[in-house]
N, C-alpha and C. Protein backbone atom coordinates (compact mmCIF):
# COMPACT_ATOMS: atom_id res chain seq x y z
N UNK A 1 111.29 101.65 105.10
CA UNK A 1 111.91 101.86 103.91
C UNK A 1 111.04 102.80 103.05
N UNK A 2 111.74 103.44 102.22
CA UNK A 2 110.99 104.36 101.38
C UNK A 2 111.30 104.10 99.90
N UNK A 3 110.48 103.87 99.02
CA UNK A 3 110.66 103.85 97.73
C UNK A 3 110.20 105.17 96.83
N UNK A 4 111.27 105.46 96.10
CA UNK A 4 111.00 106.74 95.27
C UNK A 4 110.94 106.27 93.77
N UNK A 5 109.81 106.85 93.08
CA UNK A 5 109.52 106.51 91.77
C UNK A 5 109.41 107.76 90.81
N UNK A 6 110.04 107.54 89.58
CA UNK A 6 109.85 108.52 88.59
C UNK A 6 109.36 107.69 87.36
N UNK A 7 108.14 107.85 87.14
CA UNK A 7 107.37 107.07 86.00
C UNK A 7 107.15 107.90 84.72
N UNK A 8 107.57 107.41 83.82
CA UNK A 8 107.31 107.95 82.45
C UNK A 8 106.28 107.01 81.66
N UNK A 9 106.09 107.36 80.42
CA UNK A 9 105.22 106.60 79.70
C UNK A 9 105.46 105.11 79.38
N UNK A 10 106.62 104.84 79.34
CA UNK A 10 107.05 103.41 79.22
C UNK A 10 108.16 102.97 80.00
N UNK A 11 108.50 103.75 81.09
CA UNK A 11 109.76 103.36 81.89
C UNK A 11 109.34 103.97 83.44
N UNK A 12 110.00 103.08 84.45
CA UNK A 12 109.93 103.62 85.78
C UNK A 12 111.31 103.44 86.18
N UNK A 13 111.80 104.78 86.57
CA UNK A 13 113.04 104.74 87.53
C UNK A 13 112.69 104.67 88.96
N UNK A 14 113.48 103.99 89.73
CA UNK A 14 113.14 103.86 91.03
C UNK A 14 114.45 103.86 92.04
N UNK A 15 114.11 104.31 93.37
CA UNK A 15 115.40 104.01 94.24
C UNK A 15 114.73 103.72 95.54
N UNK A 16 115.35 102.76 96.23
CA UNK A 16 114.95 102.11 97.57
C UNK A 16 115.74 102.71 98.62
N UNK A 17 115.27 103.23 99.60
CA UNK A 17 115.95 103.99 100.84
C UNK A 17 115.73 103.15 102.02
N UNK A 18 116.75 102.86 102.83
CA UNK A 18 116.71 102.12 104.02
C UNK A 18 116.55 103.47 105.09
N UNK A 19 115.72 103.33 106.09
CA UNK A 19 115.64 104.40 107.07
C UNK A 19 115.82 104.04 108.38
N UNK A 20 116.29 102.87 108.79
CA UNK A 20 116.56 102.52 110.12
C UNK A 20 117.34 103.38 110.93
N UNK A 21 118.67 103.86 110.62
CA UNK A 21 119.41 104.75 111.36
C UNK A 21 119.44 105.98 110.81
N UNK A 22 119.85 105.97 109.41
CA UNK A 22 119.94 107.17 108.54
C UNK A 22 119.21 106.77 107.35
N UNK A 23 119.00 107.81 106.57
CA UNK A 23 118.23 107.61 105.17
C UNK A 23 119.50 107.18 104.23
N UNK A 24 119.46 106.01 103.64
CA UNK A 24 120.62 105.50 102.79
C UNK A 24 119.96 104.88 101.64
N UNK A 25 120.39 105.33 100.40
CA UNK A 25 120.02 104.62 99.19
C UNK A 25 120.69 103.12 99.14
N UNK A 26 119.81 102.24 98.90
CA UNK A 26 120.42 100.80 98.99
C UNK A 26 120.15 100.24 97.55
N UNK A 27 119.26 100.65 96.76
CA UNK A 27 119.04 100.22 95.58
C UNK A 27 118.72 101.01 94.40
N UNK A 28 119.09 101.09 93.25
CA UNK A 28 118.82 102.05 92.12
C UNK A 28 118.32 101.16 90.99
N UNK A 29 117.33 101.55 90.39
CA UNK A 29 116.84 100.65 89.14
C UNK A 29 115.92 101.38 88.25
N UNK A 30 115.65 100.47 87.14
CA UNK A 30 114.92 101.02 85.82
C UNK A 30 114.09 99.84 85.36
N UNK A 31 112.74 99.99 85.21
CA UNK A 31 111.87 99.07 84.50
C UNK A 31 111.59 99.89 83.13
N UNK A 32 111.99 99.26 82.15
CA UNK A 32 111.88 99.91 80.71
C UNK A 32 111.12 99.11 79.83
N UNK A 33 110.75 99.84 78.81
CA UNK A 33 109.97 99.01 77.65
C UNK A 33 108.62 98.56 78.03
N UNK A 34 108.06 99.31 79.06
CA UNK A 34 106.89 98.81 79.56
C UNK A 34 105.68 98.88 78.49
N UNK A 35 104.92 97.83 78.20
CA UNK A 35 104.01 97.72 77.19
C UNK A 35 104.41 97.00 75.99
N UNK A 36 105.58 96.67 76.04
CA UNK A 36 106.33 95.79 74.97
C UNK A 36 107.15 94.73 75.58
N UNK A 37 108.27 94.47 75.22
CA UNK A 37 109.20 93.40 75.78
C UNK A 37 110.02 93.78 76.91
N UNK A 38 109.31 93.99 78.15
CA UNK A 38 110.04 94.68 79.22
C UNK A 38 111.35 94.23 79.75
N UNK A 39 112.13 95.17 80.44
CA UNK A 39 113.46 94.80 80.95
C UNK A 39 113.51 95.46 82.42
N UNK A 40 114.02 94.76 83.22
CA UNK A 40 114.26 95.38 84.61
C UNK A 40 115.70 95.42 84.90
N UNK A 41 116.16 96.44 85.36
CA UNK A 41 117.60 96.43 85.75
C UNK A 41 117.76 97.29 87.03
N UNK A 42 118.47 96.79 87.92
CA UNK A 42 118.69 97.39 89.15
C UNK A 42 120.09 97.03 89.73
N UNK A 43 120.67 97.95 90.73
CA UNK A 43 122.04 97.59 91.30
C UNK A 43 121.68 97.71 92.82
N UNK A 44 122.25 96.76 93.46
CA UNK A 44 122.14 96.56 94.95
C UNK A 44 123.49 96.07 95.54
N UNK A 45 124.00 96.67 96.56
CA UNK A 45 125.38 96.19 97.14
C UNK A 45 126.17 95.75 96.09
N UNK A 46 126.50 96.74 95.17
CA UNK A 46 127.48 96.47 94.00
C UNK A 46 127.29 95.53 93.17
N UNK A 47 126.06 94.80 93.25
CA UNK A 47 125.78 93.69 92.27
C UNK A 47 124.66 94.32 91.26
N UNK A 48 124.91 93.94 89.99
CA UNK A 48 123.99 94.23 89.12
C UNK A 48 123.04 93.18 88.62
N UNK A 49 121.64 93.56 88.52
CA UNK A 49 120.72 92.58 88.21
C UNK A 49 119.97 92.91 87.04
N UNK A 50 119.64 92.07 85.93
CA UNK A 50 118.95 92.49 84.75
C UNK A 50 118.03 91.31 84.53
N UNK A 51 116.82 91.49 84.06
CA UNK A 51 115.78 90.64 83.85
C UNK A 51 114.93 90.95 82.69
N UNK A 52 114.75 90.15 81.66
CA UNK A 52 113.80 90.43 80.52
C UNK A 52 112.44 89.76 80.99
N UNK A 53 111.50 90.50 80.90
CA UNK A 53 110.11 89.95 81.15
C UNK A 53 109.04 90.93 80.62
N UNK A 54 108.12 90.34 80.20
CA UNK A 54 106.91 91.07 79.72
C UNK A 54 106.28 91.94 80.84
N UNK A 55 106.37 93.18 80.45
CA UNK A 55 105.79 94.23 81.39
C UNK A 55 104.64 94.78 80.66
N UNK A 56 103.36 94.24 80.87
CA UNK A 56 102.29 94.80 80.09
C UNK A 56 101.87 96.19 80.30
N UNK A 57 102.01 96.60 81.48
CA UNK A 57 101.67 97.94 81.89
C UNK A 57 102.33 98.35 83.27
N UNK A 58 102.10 99.61 83.66
CA UNK A 58 102.87 99.93 84.80
C UNK A 58 102.62 99.12 86.12
N UNK A 59 101.51 98.73 86.23
CA UNK A 59 101.13 97.78 87.43
C UNK A 59 101.87 96.63 87.41
N UNK A 60 101.98 95.93 86.17
CA UNK A 60 102.70 94.65 86.10
C UNK A 60 104.22 94.98 86.42
N UNK A 61 104.71 96.05 85.85
CA UNK A 61 106.11 96.49 86.11
C UNK A 61 106.35 96.56 87.53
N UNK A 62 105.64 97.37 88.40
CA UNK A 62 105.75 97.56 89.57
C UNK A 62 105.65 96.39 90.43
N UNK A 63 104.65 95.49 90.10
CA UNK A 63 104.55 94.13 90.70
C UNK A 63 105.78 93.22 90.61
N UNK A 64 106.33 93.38 89.35
CA UNK A 64 107.53 92.54 88.99
C UNK A 64 108.79 93.08 89.78
N UNK A 65 108.86 94.40 89.91
CA UNK A 65 109.83 94.89 90.68
C UNK A 65 109.88 94.43 92.14
N UNK A 66 108.70 94.50 92.74
CA UNK A 66 108.50 94.06 94.19
C UNK A 66 108.73 92.54 94.28
N UNK A 67 108.32 92.00 93.41
CA UNK A 67 108.47 90.44 93.42
C UNK A 67 109.90 90.01 93.33
N UNK A 68 110.79 90.81 92.56
CA UNK A 68 112.11 90.40 92.47
C UNK A 68 112.90 90.90 93.90
N UNK A 69 112.43 91.92 94.44
CA UNK A 69 113.06 92.42 95.55
C UNK A 69 112.72 91.42 96.89
N UNK A 70 111.58 90.98 96.86
CA UNK A 70 111.17 89.87 97.90
C UNK A 70 112.14 88.54 97.55
N UNK A 71 112.13 88.10 96.22
CA UNK A 71 112.78 86.99 95.84
C UNK A 71 114.15 87.01 96.31
N UNK A 72 114.87 88.09 96.08
CA UNK A 72 116.28 88.30 96.34
C UNK A 72 116.50 88.63 97.80
N UNK A 73 115.42 88.64 98.56
CA UNK A 73 115.57 88.94 100.06
C UNK A 73 116.11 90.37 100.37
N UNK A 74 115.77 91.41 99.44
CA UNK A 74 116.10 92.61 99.83
C UNK A 74 114.99 93.12 100.74
N UNK A 75 113.85 92.90 100.46
CA UNK A 75 112.92 93.09 101.32
C UNK A 75 112.00 91.97 101.69
N UNK A 76 111.59 91.87 102.78
CA UNK A 76 110.82 90.53 103.16
C UNK A 76 109.38 90.40 102.53
N UNK A 77 108.74 91.67 102.62
CA UNK A 77 107.37 91.86 102.21
C UNK A 77 107.13 93.35 101.69
N UNK A 78 106.12 93.66 100.94
CA UNK A 78 105.83 95.17 100.51
C UNK A 78 105.60 96.01 101.71
N UNK A 79 105.06 95.38 103.03
CA UNK A 79 104.63 96.23 104.02
C UNK A 79 106.06 97.02 104.63
N UNK A 80 107.18 96.47 104.39
CA UNK A 80 108.44 96.97 104.82
C UNK A 80 108.63 98.38 104.17
N UNK A 81 107.95 98.56 103.04
CA UNK A 81 108.02 99.83 102.33
C UNK A 81 106.99 100.74 102.92
N UNK A 82 107.13 101.63 103.73
CA UNK A 82 106.04 102.44 104.59
C UNK A 82 105.65 103.64 103.71
N UNK A 83 106.45 104.17 102.76
CA UNK A 83 106.16 105.45 102.03
C UNK A 83 106.75 105.15 100.58
N UNK A 84 106.08 105.82 99.79
CA UNK A 84 106.44 105.91 98.35
C UNK A 84 106.32 107.34 97.76
N UNK A 85 107.40 107.95 97.39
CA UNK A 85 107.43 109.29 96.88
C UNK A 85 107.40 109.15 95.32
N UNK A 86 106.63 110.06 94.78
CA UNK A 86 106.47 110.07 93.19
C UNK A 86 106.94 111.38 92.64
N UNK A 87 107.77 111.48 91.68
CA UNK A 87 108.14 112.58 91.14
C UNK A 87 107.07 112.87 90.11
N UNK A 88 106.44 114.15 90.41
CA UNK A 88 105.37 114.44 89.46
C UNK A 88 105.74 115.77 88.95
N UNK A 89 105.55 115.84 87.66
CA UNK A 89 106.03 117.02 86.83
C UNK A 89 105.30 118.15 87.11
N UNK A 90 103.90 118.18 86.92
CA UNK A 90 103.06 119.46 87.01
C UNK A 90 101.91 119.42 87.89
N UNK A 91 101.92 120.20 89.01
CA UNK A 91 100.98 120.06 89.97
C UNK A 91 100.18 121.43 90.02
N UNK A 92 100.16 122.09 88.87
CA UNK A 92 99.29 123.34 88.65
C UNK A 92 99.85 124.28 89.88
N UNK A 93 98.77 124.62 90.65
CA UNK A 93 98.97 125.78 91.70
C UNK A 93 99.68 125.02 93.11
N UNK A 94 99.85 123.72 93.13
CA UNK A 94 100.32 123.00 94.37
C UNK A 94 101.81 123.36 94.35
N UNK A 95 102.17 123.92 95.59
CA UNK A 95 103.49 124.34 95.89
C UNK A 95 104.27 123.68 96.98
N UNK A 96 103.80 122.46 97.15
CA UNK A 96 104.64 121.60 98.16
C UNK A 96 104.40 120.28 97.89
N UNK A 97 105.11 119.32 98.35
CA UNK A 97 104.90 117.85 98.20
C UNK A 97 103.69 117.60 99.02
N UNK A 98 102.89 116.69 98.75
CA UNK A 98 101.45 116.45 99.15
C UNK A 98 101.18 115.01 99.28
N UNK A 99 100.49 114.59 100.45
CA UNK A 99 100.03 113.28 100.47
C UNK A 99 99.00 112.96 99.33
N UNK A 100 99.18 111.84 98.75
CA UNK A 100 98.07 111.53 97.71
C UNK A 100 96.85 110.82 98.21
N UNK A 101 95.75 111.38 97.65
CA UNK A 101 94.51 110.96 97.87
C UNK A 101 93.61 110.94 96.70
N UNK A 102 92.48 110.55 96.71
CA UNK A 102 91.58 110.55 95.35
C UNK A 102 91.43 111.98 94.79
N UNK A 103 91.34 113.13 95.72
CA UNK A 103 91.15 114.45 95.33
C UNK A 103 92.48 114.79 94.39
N UNK A 104 93.65 114.53 95.01
CA UNK A 104 94.87 114.85 94.51
C UNK A 104 95.00 114.11 92.89
N UNK A 105 94.59 112.85 93.00
CA UNK A 105 94.64 112.13 91.60
C UNK A 105 93.65 112.72 90.70
N UNK A 106 92.53 112.99 91.02
CA UNK A 106 91.72 113.69 90.18
C UNK A 106 92.10 115.03 89.71
N UNK A 107 92.81 115.81 90.48
CA UNK A 107 93.28 117.26 90.09
C UNK A 107 94.43 116.87 89.09
N UNK A 108 95.30 115.90 89.27
CA UNK A 108 96.30 115.51 88.26
C UNK A 108 95.69 115.20 86.91
N UNK A 109 94.66 114.58 87.01
CA UNK A 109 94.00 114.09 85.57
C UNK A 109 93.44 115.20 85.06
N UNK A 110 92.80 116.20 85.87
CA UNK A 110 92.21 117.39 85.20
C UNK A 110 93.29 118.25 84.61
N UNK A 111 94.58 118.14 85.07
CA UNK A 111 95.69 119.10 84.51
C UNK A 111 96.63 118.34 83.77
N UNK A 112 96.22 117.14 82.96
CA UNK A 112 97.00 116.30 82.15
C UNK A 112 97.73 117.52 81.25
N UNK A 113 96.80 118.30 80.59
CA UNK A 113 97.22 119.11 79.46
C UNK A 113 98.46 119.98 79.78
N UNK A 114 98.71 120.20 81.18
CA UNK A 114 99.90 120.87 81.60
C UNK A 114 101.24 120.17 81.34
N UNK A 115 101.18 118.93 81.42
CA UNK A 115 102.37 118.06 81.17
C UNK A 115 101.88 116.70 80.52
N UNK A 116 101.31 116.88 79.17
CA UNK A 116 100.79 115.63 78.56
C UNK A 116 101.77 114.59 78.33
N UNK A 117 103.07 114.61 78.29
CA UNK A 117 104.03 113.66 78.09
C UNK A 117 104.52 112.98 79.43
N UNK A 118 104.14 113.69 80.66
CA UNK A 118 104.77 113.27 81.78
C UNK A 118 103.82 112.77 82.90
N UNK A 119 102.76 113.55 82.98
CA UNK A 119 101.76 113.34 84.13
C UNK A 119 100.83 111.96 83.80
N UNK A 120 100.54 111.68 82.70
CA UNK A 120 99.82 110.29 82.52
C UNK A 120 100.65 109.08 83.05
N UNK A 121 101.87 109.14 82.83
CA UNK A 121 102.69 107.86 83.25
C UNK A 121 102.78 107.93 84.82
N UNK A 122 102.83 109.17 85.39
CA UNK A 122 103.02 109.36 86.81
C UNK A 122 101.72 108.88 87.49
N UNK A 123 100.44 109.27 86.78
CA UNK A 123 99.12 108.84 87.44
C UNK A 123 99.10 107.40 87.54
N UNK A 124 99.23 106.83 86.28
CA UNK A 124 99.11 105.34 86.29
C UNK A 124 100.02 104.69 87.35
N UNK A 125 101.17 105.11 87.42
CA UNK A 125 102.17 104.57 88.51
C UNK A 125 101.57 104.68 89.88
N UNK A 126 100.92 105.86 90.24
CA UNK A 126 100.39 106.13 91.54
C UNK A 126 99.35 105.32 91.84
N UNK A 127 98.39 105.10 90.86
CA UNK A 127 97.25 104.16 90.90
C UNK A 127 97.69 102.73 91.13
N UNK A 128 98.63 102.39 90.36
CA UNK A 128 99.19 100.88 90.58
C UNK A 128 99.83 100.63 91.93
N UNK A 129 100.56 101.62 92.42
CA UNK A 129 101.24 101.45 93.87
C UNK A 129 100.24 101.40 94.79
N UNK A 130 99.18 102.35 94.62
CA UNK A 130 98.10 102.36 95.75
C UNK A 130 97.19 101.04 95.80
N UNK A 131 97.19 100.43 94.59
CA UNK A 131 96.35 99.00 94.59
C UNK A 131 97.45 98.02 95.18
N UNK A 132 98.63 98.07 94.86
CA UNK A 132 99.61 96.89 95.16
C UNK A 132 99.99 97.02 96.74
N UNK A 133 100.12 98.37 97.06
CA UNK A 133 100.67 98.76 98.51
C UNK A 133 99.68 99.58 99.23
N UNK A 134 98.43 99.04 99.47
CA UNK A 134 97.49 100.03 100.07
C UNK A 134 97.87 100.57 101.55
N UNK A 135 98.82 99.89 102.08
CA UNK A 135 99.10 100.53 103.64
C UNK A 135 100.14 101.78 103.44
N UNK A 136 100.94 101.70 102.39
CA UNK A 136 101.98 102.65 102.30
C UNK A 136 101.38 104.11 102.16
N UNK A 137 102.11 105.05 102.70
CA UNK A 137 101.84 106.51 102.60
C UNK A 137 102.29 106.84 101.10
N UNK A 138 101.51 107.52 100.48
CA UNK A 138 102.17 107.91 99.00
C UNK A 138 102.13 109.45 99.08
N UNK A 139 103.26 109.94 98.44
CA UNK A 139 103.53 111.45 98.50
C UNK A 139 103.82 111.88 97.05
N UNK A 140 103.29 112.95 96.58
CA UNK A 140 103.78 113.48 95.30
C UNK A 140 104.51 114.73 95.49
N UNK A 141 105.71 114.65 94.76
CA UNK A 141 106.70 115.81 94.89
C UNK A 141 106.85 116.43 93.46
N UNK A 142 106.37 117.62 93.46
CA UNK A 142 106.21 118.25 92.20
C UNK A 142 107.25 119.09 91.73
N UNK A 143 107.45 118.90 90.51
CA UNK A 143 108.67 119.90 89.84
C UNK A 143 108.17 121.35 90.01
N UNK A 144 106.85 121.53 89.94
CA UNK A 144 106.29 122.97 89.93
C UNK A 144 106.47 123.51 91.42
N UNK A 145 106.43 122.60 92.37
CA UNK A 145 106.66 123.03 93.74
C UNK A 145 108.05 123.75 93.91
N UNK A 146 108.98 123.13 93.20
CA UNK A 146 110.40 123.65 93.22
C UNK A 146 110.54 124.90 92.53
N UNK A 147 109.89 125.02 91.43
CA UNK A 147 109.95 126.37 90.58
C UNK A 147 109.30 127.38 91.24
N UNK A 148 108.19 127.05 92.14
CA UNK A 148 107.38 128.24 92.73
C UNK A 148 108.11 128.81 93.83
N UNK A 149 109.07 128.03 94.33
CA UNK A 149 109.87 128.57 95.50
C UNK A 149 111.12 129.12 95.23
N UNK A 150 111.47 129.25 93.76
CA UNK A 150 112.73 129.93 93.48
C UNK A 150 112.48 131.43 93.70
N UNK A 151 113.62 132.00 94.21
CA UNK A 151 113.69 133.58 94.37
C UNK A 151 113.41 134.21 92.83
N UNK A 152 112.63 135.27 92.89
CA UNK A 152 112.39 136.13 91.70
C UNK A 152 113.61 136.38 90.94
N UNK A 153 114.73 136.84 91.57
CA UNK A 153 115.97 137.08 90.82
C UNK A 153 116.49 135.75 90.03
N UNK A 154 116.23 134.61 90.53
CA UNK A 154 116.67 133.40 89.67
C UNK A 154 115.81 133.07 88.47
N UNK A 155 114.51 133.48 88.41
CA UNK A 155 113.66 133.14 87.32
C UNK A 155 113.33 134.37 86.32
N UNK A 156 113.65 135.67 86.77
CA UNK A 156 113.43 136.55 85.73
C UNK A 156 114.76 136.79 84.97
N UNK A 157 114.29 136.94 83.67
CA UNK A 157 115.58 137.44 82.79
C UNK A 157 115.77 138.77 82.66
N UNK A 158 116.93 139.19 82.09
CA UNK A 158 117.10 140.57 81.94
C UNK A 158 116.36 141.28 80.87
N UNK A 159 115.25 140.57 80.08
CA UNK A 159 114.59 140.99 79.01
C UNK A 159 113.45 142.12 79.65
N UNK A 160 113.19 143.06 79.14
CA UNK A 160 112.08 143.89 79.66
C UNK A 160 110.88 143.28 79.47
N UNK A 161 109.90 143.67 80.39
CA UNK A 161 108.54 143.01 80.24
C UNK A 161 107.63 143.53 79.02
N UNK A 162 107.95 144.65 78.54
CA UNK A 162 107.27 145.18 77.37
C UNK A 162 107.42 144.44 76.11
């Protein structure tokens, strides 16, 4: 299974994919109000789930998400999730999806100023998942990688350079 995470400063959007035969989204959810009176909402097999629970930080939110997936027998254990992809807003000069390691985390921290509203939430989510799921492969998927691969004709305007 693959978990995809889009983390903000006080919320985490996530989607779980089954990968046995084909890649198929089996669950879509949102943990919100992290740091205050948290709420977890998700949908699986046309059934909606909603839980109010204190989510002190991103790590407790991710742990709560995984605990609920295990409790509801959507997954048996966290080891079933073999990879986690993170939407990452700004990767500076990085032009492709990249396996996450300590060097990449440090580079993201160095470049927080490039996306101060988005990258901090992403970094704390990456650190939380790496702690909770140490066996999973973590991949950063950068918005900037998408924009760096756009053809010139698509990003240049008709305004003269002068």
